[in-house]
Amino acid sequence: MVVPLHIGDPSPLDPSLVLPIPSKLPSDPTQALETLSAAIEAQLDPSIPSSSKLPMQVITAQIRLIHRNAQISVNAARSGTAEERARLDAVDVDLRTIEYERDRVRDEINRCAEYAYVKLGRSECFKLIG
């Protein structure tokens, strides 16, 4: 598993997301839960001899590893969601702009349709020009 060497600034798209996200994501953390659960149950069972139990330090290290992997996966999902939300917002702004322009064109068409048309003869046109 690749862990970032430093914690960067929050993402401009999502303040709850701290960057950087490693390029290689860890495997699904839920796969290790079954073995961890069995180790915890064995630790709590008094009938099992202590020599065959995992030490608590190993169990807590596994819990930390699972938590770290889960947090990295959540951050990657947040990052993808924030990027898609920003893309969707940009598309929404474009759509609203187009709808606004469409409404303005419809208003102009309606104004033109309501315009009173008067047919002038040729002599009346020359009077208006000259």
Protein backbone atom coordinates (compact mmCIF):
# COMPACT_ATOMS: atom_id res chain seq x y z
CA MET A 1 0.00 0.00 0.00
CA VAL A 2 1.28 3.45 -0.92
CA VAL A 3 0.80 6.08 1.79
CA PRO A 4 1.29 9.78 0.97
CA LEU A 5 4.42 11.32 2.47
CA HIS A 6 2.63 14.52 3.47
CA ILE A 7 -0.88 15.80 3.97
CA GLY A 8 -1.74 18.52 1.52
CA ASP A 9 -4.31 21.26 1.52
CA PRO A 10 -8.03 20.51 1.34
CA SER A 11 -9.50 20.00 -2.10
CA PRO A 12 -11.00 23.17 -3.63
CA LEU A 13 -13.99 21.08 -4.70
CA ASP A 14 -14.68 19.43 -1.33
CA PRO A 15 -13.34 20.90 1.95
CA SER A 16 -13.76 17.58 3.77
CA LEU A 17 -11.32 15.94 1.35
CA VAL A 18 -7.62 16.17 2.16
CA LEU A 19 -5.20 15.72 -0.70
CA PRO A 20 -3.13 13.93 -2.02
CA ILE A 21 -4.74 10.62 -2.83
CA PRO A 22 -2.30 7.83 -3.67
CA SER A 23 -2.25 6.75 -7.30
CA LYS A 24 -2.60 3.09 -6.33
CA LEU A 25 -5.64 2.50 -4.16
CA PRO A 26 -5.60 -0.27 -1.53
CA SER A 27 -7.71 -3.39 -1.87
CA ASP A 28 -11.19 -3.59 -0.38
CA PRO A 29 -10.80 -3.30 3.42
CA THR A 30 -13.87 -5.44 4.13
CA GLN A 31 -12.03 -8.57 2.98
CA ALA A 32 -9.78 -8.50 6.06
CA LEU A 33 -12.68 -8.08 8.49
CA GLU A 34 -13.47 -11.79 8.71
CA THR A 35 -9.95 -12.77 9.78
CA LEU A 36 -9.81 -9.84 12.18
CA SER A 37 -13.17 -10.80 13.68
CA ALA A 38 -11.97 -14.38 14.16
CA ALA A 39 -8.77 -13.14 15.85
CA ILE A 40 -10.78 -10.92 18.22
CA GLU A 41 -13.18 -13.76 19.07
CA ALA A 42 -10.21 -16.05 19.75
CA GLN A 43 -8.69 -13.37 22.00
CA LEU A 44 -11.92 -13.19 24.02
CA ASP A 45 -12.46 -16.97 24.26
CA PRO A 46 -11.00 -18.26 27.56
CA SER A 47 -10.96 -21.88 26.34
CA ILE A 48 -8.25 -21.15 23.74
CA PRO A 49 -4.73 -21.17 25.17
CA SER A 50 -2.94 -17.82 25.11
CA SER A 51 -0.02 -19.28 23.17
CA SER A 52 -2.22 -19.79 20.08
CA LYS A 53 -3.79 -16.31 20.25
CA LEU A 54 -2.53 -13.36 18.28
CA PRO A 55 -1.01 -10.61 20.42
CA MET A 56 -3.22 -7.54 20.91
CA GLN A 57 -0.59 -5.35 19.22
CA VAL A 58 -1.01 -7.36 16.02
CA ILE A 59 -4.81 -7.09 16.21
CA THR A 60 -4.72 -3.33 16.79
CA ALA A 61 -2.21 -2.94 13.94
CA GLN A 62 -4.63 -4.81 11.65
CA ILE A 63 -7.49 -2.58 12.82
CA ARG A 64 -5.41 0.51 12.02
CA LEU A 65 -4.50 -0.88 8.60
CA ILE A 66 -8.15 -1.62 7.79
CA HIS A 67 -9.17 1.85 8.96
CA ARG A 68 -6.41 3.50 6.90
CA ASN A 69 -7.38 1.55 3.77
CA ALA A 70 -11.04 2.41 4.28
CA GLN A 71 -10.21 6.09 4.72
CA ILE A 72 -8.10 6.16 1.55
CA SER A 73 -10.97 4.52 -0.37
CA VAL A 74 -13.46 7.03 1.03
CA ASN A 75 -11.19 9.94 0.07
CA ALA A 76 -10.84 8.57 -3.46
CA ALA A 77 -14.62 8.26 -3.74
CA ARG A 78 -15.06 11.80 -2.41
CA SER A 79 -12.55 13.09 -4.91
CA GLY A 80 -14.32 11.43 -7.84
CA THR A 81 -17.68 12.68 -6.59
CA ALA A 82 -16.40 16.23 -6.19
CA GLU A 83 -14.93 16.24 -9.71
CA GLU A 84 -18.16 14.92 -11.21
CA ARG A 85 -20.19 17.45 -9.20
CA ALA A 86 -18.04 20.27 -10.57
CA ARG A 87 -18.46 18.93 -14.12
CA LEU A 88 -22.22 18.65 -13.62
CA ASP A 89 -22.37 22.21 -12.27
CA ALA A 90 -20.58 23.48 -15.38
CA VAL A 91 -23.02 21.62 -17.62
CA ASP A 92 -25.91 23.03 -15.60
CA VAL A 93 -24.62 26.59 -16.09
CA ASP A 94 -24.35 25.96 -19.85
CA LEU A 95 -27.90 24.58 -19.92
CA ARG A 96 -29.28 27.58 -18.01
CA THR A 97 -27.50 29.93 -20.41
CA ILE A 98 -28.99 28.17 -23.41
CA GLU A 99 -32.47 28.19 -21.84
CA TYR A 100 -32.13 31.92 -21.13
CA GLU A 101 -31.11 32.62 -24.74
CA ARG A 102 -33.96 30.41 -26.01
CA ASP A 103 -36.46 32.36 -23.93
CA ARG A 104 -35.11 35.68 -25.24
CA VAL A 105 -35.43 34.45 -28.85
CA ARG A 106 -39.01 33.28 -28.18
CA ASP A 107 -39.85 36.70 -26.74
CA GLU A 108 -38.44 38.39 -29.85
CA ILE A 109 -40.40 36.03 -32.10
CA ASN A 110 -43.60 36.83 -30.20
CA ARG A 111 -42.92 40.57 -30.49
CA CYS A 112 -42.41 40.17 -34.21
CA ALA A 113 -45.64 38.16 -34.51
CA GLU A 114 -47.57 40.90 -32.70
CA TYR A 115 -46.10 43.64 -34.88
CA ALA A 116 -48.79 45.33 -36.98
CA TYR A 117 -47.93 44.91 -40.63
CA VAL A 118 -49.08 47.64 -42.98
CA LYS A 119 -48.69 47.18 -46.71
CA LEU A 120 -47.60 50.35 -48.41
CA GLY A 121 -47.91 51.05 -52.04
CA ARG A 122 -45.00 52.14 -54.20
CA SER A 123 -45.88 55.81 -54.14
CA GLU A 124 -46.23 55.80 -50.35
CA CYS A 125 -42.75 54.26 -50.02
CA PHE A 126 -41.25 57.05 -52.12
CA LYS A 127 -43.00 59.61 -49.92
CA LEU A 128 -41.47 58.05 -46.81
CA ILE A 129 -38.00 57.92 -48.35
CA GLY A 130 -37.91 61.31 -49.96
